[in-house]
Amino acid sequence: MSQDSIPDKPADTDGERTVLLADDDVAFRTRLARAIEQRGFTVISVGSVAEALTVASRPPAYAVLDLRMGDGSGLDVVGPLRKARPDIRIVILTGYGNIATAVSAVKEGAVDYLSKPADADAVVQALLSSGKKLPPPPSNPMSADRVRWEHIQRIFEQCDRNVSETARRLNMHRRTLQRILGKHAPREQ
């Protein structure tokens, strides 16, 4: 069950399955929180760096932080989380992946860095991995069509559902974008 508040008790023992999920994209955060909960975790869902920092005083066992949020960077939360709980496992998510930010995330104390749209299996696998070797590829990865569709939907939402602005940012003809938006999401295999 998603919570929008700080948990009543501080994190305590091994086997704890609480996750701080900080992402300013409400639709993505809601879907990911629901999927992570279905995998046996309790999710503390927040939409800003400020809210995530309030949870940092009593951090959960795991954290999934968006790199860029409206009021700052998820990297700003990594240090306070690590200070309050050195054994916390943190994964950074971003739609703006590049090597420099991945290196910064790991230097700050994140255990992994995933590009959006990341599915819940990849996130949970990154949270639970021992870090000694690369995890195996997902058994059912998103198709290229689905990744493309998710990316277009995210940009469309970021442009306040303005088709012309979204088409300009994607370097795509407006009518082509309208046809894509009019179709349903590609089915998962």
Protein backbone atom coordinates (compact mmCIF):
# COMPACT_ATOMS: atom_id res chain seq x y z
CA MET A 1 0.00 0.00 0.00
CA SER A 2 1.48 3.38 -1.00
CA GLN A 3 1.99 5.85 1.74
CA ASP A 4 2.42 9.56 1.29
CA SER A 5 3.80 10.08 4.78
CA ILE A 6 6.80 9.16 6.87
CA PRO A 7 6.65 5.68 8.38
CA ASP A 8 5.85 5.45 12.11
CA LYS A 9 8.94 3.38 12.98
CA PRO A 10 12.53 3.77 11.88
CA ALA A 11 13.99 1.06 9.70
CA ASP A 12 15.39 -1.75 11.80
CA THR A 13 16.25 -5.34 10.86
CA ASP A 14 17.45 -7.42 7.95
CA GLY A 15 14.62 -8.65 5.79
CA GLU A 16 12.90 -5.27 5.92
CA ARG A 17 11.15 -4.63 2.62
CA THR A 18 10.42 -0.90 2.66
CA VAL A 19 11.21 1.31 -0.31
CA LEU A 20 11.29 5.09 -0.66
CA LEU A 21 10.11 5.93 -4.19
CA ALA A 22 10.76 9.56 -5.15
CA ASP A 23 9.69 10.68 -8.61
CA ASP A 24 7.83 13.81 -9.73
CA ASP A 25 6.09 11.99 -12.61
CA VAL A 26 2.86 11.02 -10.84
CA ALA A 27 1.69 8.47 -13.41
CA PHE A 28 5.06 6.69 -13.57
CA ARG A 29 5.46 6.79 -9.77
CA THR A 30 1.98 5.34 -9.22
CA ARG A 31 2.54 2.49 -11.70
CA LEU A 32 5.98 1.66 -10.33
CA ALA A 33 4.83 1.83 -6.70
CA ARG A 34 1.96 -0.56 -7.43
CA ALA A 35 4.27 -2.97 -9.25
CA ILE A 36 6.89 -2.91 -6.48
CA GLU A 37 4.18 -3.52 -3.87
CA GLN A 38 3.05 -6.56 -5.84
CA ARG A 39 6.59 -7.90 -5.36
CA GLY A 40 6.28 -7.81 -1.57
CA PHE A 41 7.56 -4.35 -0.63
CA THR A 42 5.96 -1.51 1.32
CA VAL A 43 6.36 1.70 -0.66
CA ILE A 44 6.70 5.23 0.70
CA SER A 45 5.83 7.32 -2.33
CA VAL A 46 6.88 10.98 -2.60
CA GLY A 47 6.94 13.47 -5.45
CA SER A 48 9.78 15.84 -4.61
CA VAL A 49 13.28 16.13 -3.20
CA ALA A 50 11.90 18.05 -0.20
CA GLU A 51 9.49 15.21 0.65
CA ALA A 52 12.24 12.63 0.19
CA LEU A 53 14.50 14.56 2.57
CA THR A 54 11.80 14.41 5.27
CA VAL A 55 11.84 10.62 4.98
CA ALA A 56 15.67 10.65 5.14
CA SER A 57 15.60 11.17 8.89
CA ARG A 58 14.11 7.67 9.28
CA PRO A 59 15.02 5.96 6.02
CA PRO A 60 13.70 2.62 4.77
CA ALA A 61 15.93 -0.25 3.67
CA TYR A 62 15.79 0.73 -0.02
CA ALA A 63 15.32 3.86 -2.12
CA VAL A 64 14.48 4.49 -5.77
CA LEU A 65 15.14 8.12 -6.67
CA ASP A 66 14.49 10.02 -9.88
CA LEU A 67 17.56 11.97 -10.95
CA ARG A 68 15.70 15.12 -12.00
CA MET A 69 12.69 16.32 -10.07
CA GLY A 70 10.99 19.70 -10.11
CA ASP A 71 12.73 20.94 -6.97
CA GLY A 72 16.18 19.39 -7.42
CA SER A 73 18.11 16.21 -8.01
CA GLY A 74 17.66 12.78 -6.48
CA LEU A 75 21.43 12.86 -5.91
CA ASP A 76 20.76 15.48 -3.21
CA VAL A 77 18.88 12.83 -1.23
CA VAL A 78 21.53 10.09 -1.47
CA GLY A 79 23.92 11.62 1.09
CA PRO A 80 21.32 12.20 3.83
CA LEU A 81 19.89 8.71 3.30
CA ARG A 82 23.39 7.15 3.52
CA LYS A 83 24.22 9.19 6.63
CA ALA A 84 21.05 8.10 8.44
CA ARG A 85 21.31 4.50 7.27
CA PRO A 86 24.67 3.36 5.84
CA ASP A 87 23.31 -0.01 4.66
CA ILE A 88 20.52 1.50 2.51
CA ARG A 89 20.47 0.33 -1.11
CA ILE A 90 19.72 3.17 -3.52
CA VAL A 91 18.87 3.03 -7.22
CA ILE A 92 18.77 6.19 -9.34
CA LEU A 93 16.26 6.37 -12.22
CA THR A 94 16.48 8.84 -15.04
CA GLY A 95 15.10 9.64 -18.44
CA TYR A 96 18.27 11.63 -19.15
CA GLY A 97 20.91 8.93 -18.92
CA ASN A 98 24.54 9.67 -19.58
CA ILE A 99 27.83 8.38 -18.26
CA ALA A 100 28.69 11.46 -16.17
CA THR A 101 25.48 11.30 -14.13
CA ALA A 102 25.80 7.54 -13.71
CA VAL A 103 29.30 7.99 -12.31
CA SER A 104 28.06 10.77 -10.00
CA ALA A 105 25.21 8.57 -8.75
CA VAL A 106 27.56 5.71 -7.91
CA LYS A 107 30.10 8.05 -6.26
CA GLU A 108 27.32 9.50 -4.09
CA GLY A 109 26.42 5.99 -2.91
CA ALA A 110 23.81 4.58 -5.28
CA VAL A 111 24.15 0.86 -6.01
CA ASP A 112 22.73 1.14 -9.54
CA TYR A 113 21.56 3.58 -12.18
CA LEU A 114 18.67 2.69 -14.51
CA SER A 115 17.22 4.53 -17.48
CA LYS A 116 13.50 5.20 -17.68
CA PRO A 117 11.22 3.64 -18.45
CA ALA A 118 12.52 0.94 -16.13
CA ASP A 119 10.20 -1.91 -15.28
CA ALA A 120 9.59 -3.06 -11.71
CA ASP A 121 11.52 -6.31 -12.21
CA ALA A 122 14.67 -4.39 -13.19
CA VAL A 123 14.27 -2.00 -10.25
CA VAL A 124 13.74 -4.78 -7.70
CA GLN A 125 16.61 -6.76 -9.18
CA ALA A 126 18.90 -3.73 -8.85
CA LEU A 127 17.79 -3.16 -5.25
CA LEU A 128 18.36 -6.78 -4.23
CA SER A 129 21.52 -7.52 -6.23
CA SER A 130 24.73 -8.16 -4.34
CA GLY A 131 26.68 -5.98 -6.75
CA LYS A 132 29.26 -8.69 -7.45
CA LYS A 133 28.13 -9.44 -10.97
CA LEU A 134 25.73 -8.13 -13.55
CA PRO A 135 22.18 -9.36 -13.08
CA PRO A 136 20.81 -11.63 -15.79
CA PRO A 137 18.74 -9.97 -18.47
CA PRO A 138 15.01 -9.75 -17.74
CA SER A 139 13.02 -12.78 -18.83
CA ASN A 140 10.42 -10.60 -20.50
CA PRO A 141 11.98 -7.22 -21.43
CA MET A 142 9.89 -4.42 -22.89
CA SER A 143 9.74 -4.46 -26.65
CA ALA A 144 11.35 -1.62 -28.59
CA ASP A 145 7.86 -0.48 -29.63
CA ARG A 146 6.78 -0.34 -25.97
CA VAL A 147 9.90 1.61 -24.92
CA ARG A 148 9.28 4.08 -27.76
CA TRP A 149 5.61 4.45 -26.78
CA GLU A 150 6.48 5.00 -23.09
CA HIS A 151 9.08 7.63 -24.06
CA ILE A 152 6.59 9.51 -26.27
CA GLN A 153 3.96 9.39 -23.51
CA ARG A 154 6.43 10.78 -20.96
CA ILE A 155 7.45 13.68 -23.22
CA PHE A 156 3.75 14.34 -24.03
CA GLU A 157 2.96 14.59 -20.30
CA GLN A 158 6.01 16.82 -19.68
CA CYS A 159 4.73 19.15 -22.41
CA ASP A 160 1.38 19.41 -20.60
CA ARG A 161 -0.26 17.22 -23.25
CA ASN A 162 0.46 19.79 -25.98
CA VAL A 163 0.76 17.85 -29.24
CA SER A 164 2.54 20.60 -31.19
CA GLU A 165 5.18 21.16 -28.49
CA THR A 166 5.70 17.40 -28.04
CA ALA A 167 6.11 16.92 -31.79
CA ARG A 168 8.65 19.76 -31.92
CA ARG A 169 10.70 18.29 -29.04
CA LEU A 170 10.62 14.81 -30.57
CA ASN A 171 11.50 16.21 -34.01
CA MET A 172 8.40 14.53 -35.40
CA HIS A 173 5.56 15.70 -37.62
CA ARG A 174 2.50 16.69 -35.58
CA ARG A 175 0.11 14.41 -37.51
CA THR A 176 2.43 11.43 -37.09
CA LEU A 177 2.49 12.08 -33.34
CA GLN A 178 -1.32 12.37 -33.26
CA ARG A 179 -1.62 8.95 -34.93
CA ILE A 180 0.78 7.42 -32.40
CA LEU A 181 -1.06 9.01 -29.48
CA GLY A 182 -4.38 7.76 -30.84
CA LYS A 183 -3.25 4.15 -30.68
CA HIS A 184 -3.18 1.94 -27.62
CA ALA A 185 0.10 0.99 -25.97
CA PRO A 186 1.91 -1.93 -27.61
CA ARG A 187 1.12 -5.17 -25.83
CA GLU A 188 3.64 -6.72 -23.51
CA GLN A 189 4.78 -10.11 -24.81
